Amino acid sequence: MMFGSGTRLTVESKLEVEPDYYKLVGGETTACLATGFTRQNGTSNHTLFKDKTAAVRIENDKVYNQVVVLPTGNNGDECETESKDSSCEDSIKPDPKVNFVSVTVLCLRLLFIKTVVFNVLMTFRLWISQ
């Protein structure tokens, strides 16, 4: 919120969450993403984010995100060193019970469609024979 030309008011929550850092690579471009932090200046102590870009908060979100595109010679090693957990693992495991129920529902739907088609065909056959 801006009041006048030189006063800036920033309202922040009492909860302080440190950012998680991720290295993003796409072709020849490397970027460092800081996400999930609650202070607007949460990345000020990180060497890559000093005076580069501003931290932004998506509408109605309580955490800030910030990204910086690294120069061509920088491979982003500094980004990975400060990350707590840089691995993204799939936390959803297949459940045999869910798979069984899904297949059962599919079979019942096929049986229902087959019954409807059979009844329609028998009705047409009855109408034609009269």
N, C-alpha and C. Protein backbone atom coordinates (compact mmCIF):
# COMPACT_ATOMS: atom_id res chain seq x y z
N MET A 1 0.84 -1.15 0.00
CA MET A 1 0.00 0.00 0.00
C MET A 1 0.90 1.23 0.00
N MET A 2 0.62 2.18 -0.83
CA MET A 2 1.46 3.38 -0.94
C MET A 2 0.71 4.59 -0.40
N PHE A 3 1.35 5.34 0.50
CA PHE A 3 0.83 6.60 1.01
C PHE A 3 1.82 7.68 0.61
N GLY A 4 1.43 8.52 -0.30
CA GLY A 4 2.32 9.58 -0.74
C GLY A 4 3.42 9.04 -1.62
N SER A 5 4.49 9.82 -1.71
CA SER A 5 5.55 9.42 -2.63
C SER A 5 6.66 8.62 -1.97
N GLY A 6 6.76 8.62 -0.62
CA GLY A 6 7.90 7.94 -0.02
C GLY A 6 7.58 7.00 1.12
N THR A 7 6.34 6.81 1.46
CA THR A 7 5.98 5.94 2.57
C THR A 7 5.38 4.66 2.04
N ARG A 8 5.91 3.53 2.51
CA ARG A 8 5.41 2.23 2.07
C ARG A 8 5.07 1.41 3.31
N LEU A 9 3.88 0.86 3.33
CA LEU A 9 3.41 0.06 4.45
C LEU A 9 3.28 -1.39 3.99
N THR A 10 3.96 -2.29 4.70
CA THR A 10 3.88 -3.71 4.38
C THR A 10 3.37 -4.44 5.62
N VAL A 11 2.25 -5.12 5.49
CA VAL A 11 1.67 -5.88 6.59
C VAL A 11 2.05 -7.34 6.39
N GLU A 12 2.74 -7.90 7.39
CA GLU A 12 3.18 -9.29 7.30
C GLU A 12 2.65 -10.08 8.48
N SER A 13 2.50 -11.38 8.28
CA SER A 13 1.98 -12.23 9.36
C SER A 13 3.07 -12.49 10.40
N LYS A 14 2.64 -12.94 11.57
CA LYS A 14 3.59 -13.25 12.64
C LYS A 14 4.34 -14.55 12.36
N LEU A 15 3.72 -15.43 11.60
CA LEU A 15 4.34 -16.70 11.26
C LEU A 15 5.45 -16.47 10.25
N GLU A 16 6.64 -16.97 10.56
CA GLU A 16 7.76 -16.80 9.64
C GLU A 16 8.20 -18.16 9.11
N VAL A 17 8.09 -18.31 7.79
CA VAL A 17 8.46 -19.55 7.12
C VAL A 17 9.61 -19.24 6.16
N GLU A 18 10.66 -20.03 6.23
CA GLU A 18 11.82 -19.85 5.36
C GLU A 18 11.51 -20.39 3.96
N PRO A 19 12.11 -19.80 2.92
CA PRO A 19 11.84 -20.25 1.55
C PRO A 19 12.50 -21.58 1.23
N ASP A 20 11.89 -22.30 0.33
CA ASP A 20 12.47 -23.49 -0.27
C ASP A 20 13.02 -23.10 -1.62
N TYR A 21 14.23 -23.55 -1.96
CA TYR A 21 14.89 -23.17 -3.20
C TYR A 21 14.91 -24.36 -4.15
N TYR A 22 14.60 -24.08 -5.42
CA TYR A 22 14.61 -25.11 -6.46
C TYR A 22 15.33 -24.58 -7.68
N LYS A 23 16.15 -25.43 -8.27
CA LYS A 23 16.83 -25.07 -9.52
C LYS A 23 15.97 -25.55 -10.68
N LEU A 24 15.67 -24.64 -11.61
CA LEU A 24 14.86 -24.96 -12.78
C LEU A 24 15.74 -24.86 -14.01
N VAL A 25 15.74 -25.90 -14.83
CA VAL A 25 16.56 -25.93 -16.04
C VAL A 25 15.66 -26.22 -17.22
N GLY A 26 15.78 -25.39 -18.25
CA GLY A 26 15.03 -25.60 -19.48
C GLY A 26 15.89 -25.22 -20.66
N GLY A 27 16.44 -26.21 -21.35
CA GLY A 27 17.32 -25.93 -22.48
C GLY A 27 18.61 -25.29 -21.98
N GLU A 28 18.91 -24.10 -22.48
CA GLU A 28 20.11 -23.37 -22.08
C GLU A 28 19.85 -22.43 -20.92
N THR A 29 18.60 -22.27 -20.51
CA THR A 29 18.24 -21.31 -19.47
C THR A 29 18.16 -22.00 -18.11
N THR A 30 18.75 -21.37 -17.10
CA THR A 30 18.71 -21.87 -15.74
C THR A 30 18.12 -20.79 -14.85
N ALA A 31 17.23 -21.18 -13.95
CA ALA A 31 16.61 -20.23 -13.04
C ALA A 31 16.59 -20.83 -11.64
N CYS A 32 16.48 -19.95 -10.66
CA CYS A 32 16.39 -20.38 -9.27
C CYS A 32 15.06 -19.86 -8.73
N LEU A 33 14.26 -20.76 -8.16
CA LEU A 33 12.94 -20.43 -7.64
C LEU A 33 12.95 -20.54 -6.13
N ALA A 34 12.53 -19.48 -5.47
CA ALA A 34 12.32 -19.49 -4.02
C ALA A 34 10.82 -19.43 -3.81
N THR A 35 10.28 -20.36 -3.05
CA THR A 35 8.84 -20.44 -2.91
C THR A 35 8.45 -20.78 -1.48
N GLY A 36 7.24 -20.36 -1.11
CA GLY A 36 6.67 -20.75 0.16
C GLY A 36 7.19 -20.00 1.37
N PHE A 37 7.57 -18.73 1.23
CA PHE A 37 8.04 -17.98 2.39
C PHE A 37 7.07 -16.85 2.71
N THR A 38 7.03 -16.45 3.98
CA THR A 38 6.01 -15.52 4.44
C THR A 38 6.50 -14.08 4.56
N ARG A 39 7.78 -13.83 4.54
CA ARG A 39 8.30 -12.46 4.61
C ARG A 39 8.65 -11.98 3.21
N GLN A 40 8.32 -10.72 2.92
CA GLN A 40 8.59 -10.20 1.58
C GLN A 40 10.09 -10.16 1.29
N ASN A 41 10.89 -9.93 2.31
CA ASN A 41 12.34 -9.91 2.12
C ASN A 41 12.96 -11.23 2.59
N GLY A 42 12.26 -12.32 2.45
CA GLY A 42 12.72 -13.62 2.92
C GLY A 42 13.94 -14.15 2.20
N THR A 43 14.22 -13.65 1.01
CA THR A 43 15.39 -14.11 0.25
C THR A 43 16.51 -13.08 0.25
N SER A 44 16.45 -12.09 1.12
CA SER A 44 17.46 -11.03 1.11
C SER A 44 18.84 -11.53 1.51
N ASN A 45 18.93 -12.62 2.27
CA ASN A 45 20.23 -13.15 2.66
C ASN A 45 20.82 -14.11 1.63
N HIS A 46 20.11 -14.40 0.57
CA HIS A 46 20.59 -15.30 -0.48
C HIS A 46 21.32 -14.48 -1.54
N THR A 47 22.49 -14.94 -1.94
CA THR A 47 23.32 -14.16 -2.87
C THR A 47 22.70 -14.00 -4.25
N LEU A 48 21.94 -14.99 -4.72
CA LEU A 48 21.36 -14.92 -6.07
C LEU A 48 20.20 -13.93 -6.16
N PHE A 49 19.50 -13.69 -5.07
CA PHE A 49 18.27 -12.90 -5.12
C PHE A 49 18.45 -11.44 -4.72
N LYS A 50 19.65 -11.03 -4.35
CA LYS A 50 19.86 -9.65 -3.92
C LYS A 50 19.67 -8.69 -5.08
N ASP A 51 18.72 -7.76 -4.93
CA ASP A 51 18.44 -6.69 -5.89
C ASP A 51 18.16 -7.19 -7.30
N LYS A 52 17.59 -8.39 -7.43
CA LYS A 52 17.28 -8.92 -8.76
C LYS A 52 15.81 -8.71 -9.10
N THR A 53 14.94 -9.42 -8.42
CA THR A 53 13.50 -9.33 -8.67
C THR A 53 12.79 -9.19 -7.33
N ALA A 54 11.56 -8.75 -7.38
CA ALA A 54 10.78 -8.60 -6.16
C ALA A 54 10.00 -9.88 -5.88
N ALA A 55 9.80 -10.17 -4.62
CA ALA A 55 8.97 -11.30 -4.23
C ALA A 55 7.51 -10.94 -4.48
N VAL A 56 6.78 -11.87 -5.05
CA VAL A 56 5.37 -11.62 -5.36
C VAL A 56 4.50 -12.63 -4.63
N ARG A 57 3.28 -12.22 -4.38
CA ARG A 57 2.30 -13.08 -3.73
C ARG A 57 1.12 -13.19 -4.67
N ILE A 58 0.73 -14.41 -4.99
CA ILE A 58 -0.41 -14.63 -5.85
C ILE A 58 -1.66 -14.25 -5.07
N GLU A 59 -2.66 -13.77 -5.77
CA GLU A 59 -3.88 -13.27 -5.14
C GLU A 59 -4.47 -14.27 -4.15
N ASN A 60 -4.79 -13.79 -2.95
CA ASN A 60 -5.37 -14.57 -1.86
C ASN A 60 -4.46 -15.68 -1.36
N ASP A 61 -3.17 -15.58 -1.62
CA ASP A 61 -2.22 -16.56 -1.12
C ASP A 61 -1.45 -15.95 0.04
N LYS A 62 -1.02 -16.75 0.99
CA LYS A 62 -0.35 -16.24 2.17
C LYS A 62 1.17 -16.30 2.07
N VAL A 63 1.69 -16.91 1.01
CA VAL A 63 3.14 -17.05 0.87
C VAL A 63 3.62 -16.33 -0.37
N TYR A 64 4.90 -15.96 -0.33
CA TYR A 64 5.55 -15.27 -1.44
C TYR A 64 6.32 -16.27 -2.29
N ASN A 65 6.54 -15.89 -3.55
CA ASN A 65 7.37 -16.64 -4.48
C ASN A 65 8.28 -15.66 -5.20
N GLN A 66 9.46 -16.12 -5.54
CA GLN A 66 10.41 -15.26 -6.23
C GLN A 66 11.27 -16.13 -7.14
N VAL A 67 11.53 -15.64 -8.33
CA VAL A 67 12.35 -16.37 -9.28
C VAL A 67 13.39 -15.42 -9.87
N VAL A 68 14.57 -15.95 -10.13
CA VAL A 68 15.61 -15.16 -10.77
C VAL A 68 16.21 -16.03 -11.88
N VAL A 69 16.33 -15.44 -13.07
CA VAL A 69 16.96 -16.12 -14.20
C VAL A 69 18.45 -15.90 -14.09
N LEU A 70 19.20 -16.99 -14.11
CA LEU A 70 20.63 -16.92 -13.89
C LEU A 70 21.37 -16.59 -15.18
N PRO A 71 22.53 -15.94 -15.07
CA PRO A 71 23.33 -15.66 -16.27
C PRO A 71 23.79 -16.95 -16.94
N THR A 72 24.23 -16.83 -18.17
CA THR A 72 24.58 -18.00 -18.97
C THR A 72 25.68 -18.84 -18.33
N GLY A 73 26.66 -18.25 -17.73
CA GLY A 73 27.77 -19.00 -17.14
C GLY A 73 27.45 -19.63 -15.80
N ASN A 74 26.37 -19.25 -15.17
CA ASN A 74 26.03 -19.75 -13.84
C ASN A 74 25.15 -20.99 -13.99
N ASN A 75 25.56 -22.09 -13.34
CA ASN A 75 24.78 -23.33 -13.45
C ASN A 75 23.81 -23.52 -12.29
N GLY A 76 23.74 -22.59 -11.34
CA GLY A 76 22.75 -22.65 -10.28
C GLY A 76 23.14 -23.48 -9.09
N ASP A 77 24.44 -23.70 -8.86
CA ASP A 77 24.86 -24.49 -7.71
C ASP A 77 24.51 -23.82 -6.40
N GLU A 78 24.55 -22.48 -6.35
CA GLU A 78 24.21 -21.76 -5.12
C GLU A 78 22.74 -21.96 -4.77
N CYS A 79 21.92 -22.14 -5.78
CA CYS A 79 20.48 -22.33 -5.54
C CYS A 79 20.23 -23.65 -4.82
N GLU A 80 20.90 -24.69 -5.24
CA GLU A 80 20.68 -26.01 -4.68
C GLU A 80 21.29 -26.17 -3.29
N THR A 81 22.33 -25.44 -2.96
CA THR A 81 23.00 -25.65 -1.68
C THR A 81 22.14 -25.22 -0.51
N GLU A 82 21.27 -24.24 -0.69
CA GLU A 82 20.45 -23.76 0.41
C GLU A 82 19.09 -24.44 0.47
N SER A 83 18.83 -25.36 -0.40
CA SER A 83 17.55 -26.04 -0.41
C SER A 83 17.54 -27.13 0.66
N LYS A 84 16.44 -27.22 1.40
CA LYS A 84 16.32 -28.25 2.42
C LYS A 84 16.11 -29.62 1.79
N ASP A 85 15.20 -29.67 0.84
CA ASP A 85 14.87 -30.92 0.18
C ASP A 85 14.62 -30.63 -1.28
N SER A 86 15.63 -30.86 -2.11
CA SER A 86 15.50 -30.49 -3.52
C SER A 86 14.89 -31.60 -4.36
N SER A 87 14.62 -32.75 -3.76
CA SER A 87 14.05 -33.84 -4.54
C SER A 87 12.53 -33.79 -4.46
N CYS A 88 11.91 -33.96 -5.58
CA CYS A 88 10.44 -34.00 -5.65
C CYS A 88 10.04 -35.46 -5.86
N GLU A 89 9.48 -36.05 -4.84
CA GLU A 89 9.09 -37.45 -4.93
C GLU A 89 7.58 -37.55 -5.05
N ASP A 90 7.14 -38.58 -5.75
CA ASP A 90 5.71 -38.83 -5.89
C ASP A 90 5.21 -39.45 -4.60
N SER A 91 4.36 -38.72 -3.90
CA SER A 91 3.88 -39.21 -2.61
C SER A 91 2.60 -40.04 -2.74
N ILE A 92 2.04 -40.11 -3.92
CA ILE A 92 0.82 -40.89 -4.12
C ILE A 92 1.20 -42.31 -4.52
N LYS A 93 0.81 -43.25 -3.72
CA LYS A 93 1.09 -44.66 -3.97
C LYS A 93 -0.18 -45.35 -4.45
N PRO A 94 -0.05 -46.30 -5.39
CA PRO A 94 -1.25 -47.01 -5.85
C PRO A 94 -1.85 -47.85 -4.73
N ASP A 95 -3.15 -47.83 -4.64
CA ASP A 95 -3.87 -48.58 -3.61
C ASP A 95 -4.62 -49.72 -4.29
N PRO A 96 -4.36 -50.96 -3.91
CA PRO A 96 -5.04 -52.09 -4.55
C PRO A 96 -6.56 -52.05 -4.37
N LYS A 97 -7.03 -51.59 -3.23
CA LYS A 97 -8.47 -51.54 -3.00
C LYS A 97 -9.14 -50.55 -3.93
N VAL A 98 -8.51 -49.38 -4.13
CA VAL A 98 -9.06 -48.37 -5.04
C VAL A 98 -9.06 -48.90 -6.47
N ASN A 99 -8.00 -49.59 -6.86
CA ASN A 99 -7.94 -50.17 -8.20
C ASN A 99 -9.04 -51.21 -8.39
N PHE A 100 -9.26 -52.05 -7.40
CA PHE A 100 -10.30 -53.07 -7.50
C PHE A 100 -11.69 -52.44 -7.61
N VAL A 101 -11.95 -51.43 -6.80
CA VAL A 101 -13.25 -50.77 -6.85
C VAL A 101 -13.45 -50.07 -8.20
N SER A 102 -12.40 -49.46 -8.73
CA SER A 102 -12.51 -48.80 -10.03
C SER A 102 -12.83 -49.78 -11.14
N VAL A 103 -12.18 -50.93 -11.14
CA VAL A 103 -12.44 -51.95 -12.16
C VAL A 103 -13.86 -52.51 -11.98
N THR A 104 -14.29 -52.69 -10.75
CA THR A 104 -15.64 -53.20 -10.50
C THR A 104 -16.70 -52.22 -11.00
N VAL A 105 -16.51 -50.95 -10.73
CA VAL A 105 -17.46 -49.94 -11.21
C VAL A 105 -17.47 -49.91 -12.74
N LEU A 106 -16.32 -50.03 -13.37
CA LEU A 106 -16.26 -50.06 -14.83
C LEU A 106 -17.02 -51.26 -15.38
N CYS A 107 -16.85 -52.43 -14.78
CA CYS A 107 -17.57 -53.63 -15.23
C CYS A 107 -19.07 -53.47 -15.05
N LEU A 108 -19.51 -52.89 -13.94
CA LEU A 108 -20.94 -52.68 -13.73
C LEU A 108 -21.52 -51.69 -14.74
N ARG A 109 -20.77 -50.68 -15.08
CA ARG A 109 -21.23 -49.73 -16.11
C ARG A 109 -21.38 -50.41 -17.46
N LEU A 110 -20.39 -51.23 -17.81
CA LEU A 110 -20.48 -51.96 -19.09
C LEU A 110 -21.67 -52.91 -19.09
N LEU A 111 -21.91 -53.59 -17.98
CA LEU A 111 -23.05 -54.48 -17.88
C LEU A 111 -24.37 -53.71 -18.01
N PHE A 112 -24.46 -52.54 -17.41
CA PHE A 112 -25.65 -51.71 -17.50
C PHE A 112 -25.87 -51.26 -18.95
N ILE A 113 -24.83 -50.81 -19.63
CA ILE A 113 -24.95 -50.38 -21.04
C ILE A 113 -25.39 -51.56 -21.91
N LYS A 114 -24.82 -52.72 -21.66
CA LYS A 114 -25.18 -53.90 -22.44
C LYS A 114 -26.65 -54.25 -22.21
N THR A 115 -27.13 -54.14 -21.00
CA THR A 115 -28.53 -54.42 -20.69
C THR A 115 -29.45 -53.43 -21.38
N VAL A 116 -29.10 -52.15 -21.36
CA VAL A 116 -29.92 -51.12 -22.00
C VAL A 116 -29.98 -51.37 -23.51
N VAL A 117 -28.85 -51.66 -24.13
CA VAL A 117 -28.82 -51.90 -25.58
C VAL A 117 -29.65 -53.15 -25.91
N PHE A 118 -29.52 -54.21 -25.13
CA PHE A 118 -30.29 -55.43 -25.37
C PHE A 118 -31.79 -55.14 -25.26
N ASN A 119 -32.21 -54.39 -24.25
CA ASN A 119 -33.63 -54.07 -24.09
C ASN A 119 -34.15 -53.21 -25.24
N VAL A 120 -33.36 -52.27 -25.70
CA VAL A 120 -33.78 -51.44 -26.84
C VAL A 120 -33.91 -52.30 -28.09
N LEU A 121 -32.96 -53.18 -28.33
CA LEU A 121 -33.05 -54.05 -29.50
C LEU A 121 -34.26 -54.98 -29.44
N MET A 122 -34.54 -55.53 -28.29
CA MET A 122 -35.71 -56.41 -28.14
C MET A 122 -37.01 -55.63 -28.33
N THR A 123 -37.04 -54.37 -27.87
CA THR A 123 -38.23 -53.54 -28.05
C THR A 123 -38.43 -53.24 -29.53
N PHE A 124 -37.38 -52.91 -30.25
CA PHE A 124 -37.50 -52.67 -31.70
C PHE A 124 -37.95 -53.94 -32.42
N ARG A 125 -37.43 -55.07 -32.02
CA ARG A 125 -37.82 -56.33 -32.65
C ARG A 125 -39.31 -56.61 -32.42
N LEU A 126 -39.79 -56.32 -31.23
CA LEU A 126 -41.21 -56.51 -30.93
C LEU A 126 -42.08 -55.57 -31.78
N TRP A 127 -41.67 -54.32 -31.92
CA TRP A 127 -42.44 -53.37 -32.71
C TRP A 127 -42.46 -53.77 -34.19
N ILE A 128 -41.34 -54.28 -34.68
CA ILE A 128 -41.28 -54.67 -36.10
C ILE A 128 -42.15 -55.90 -36.35
N SER A 129 -42.19 -56.82 -35.43
CA SER A 129 -42.95 -58.06 -35.65
C SER A 129 -44.48 -57.84 -35.57
N GLN A 130 -44.96 -56.74 -35.03
CA GLN A 130 -46.41 -56.53 -34.91
C GLN A 130 -46.98 -55.89 -36.11
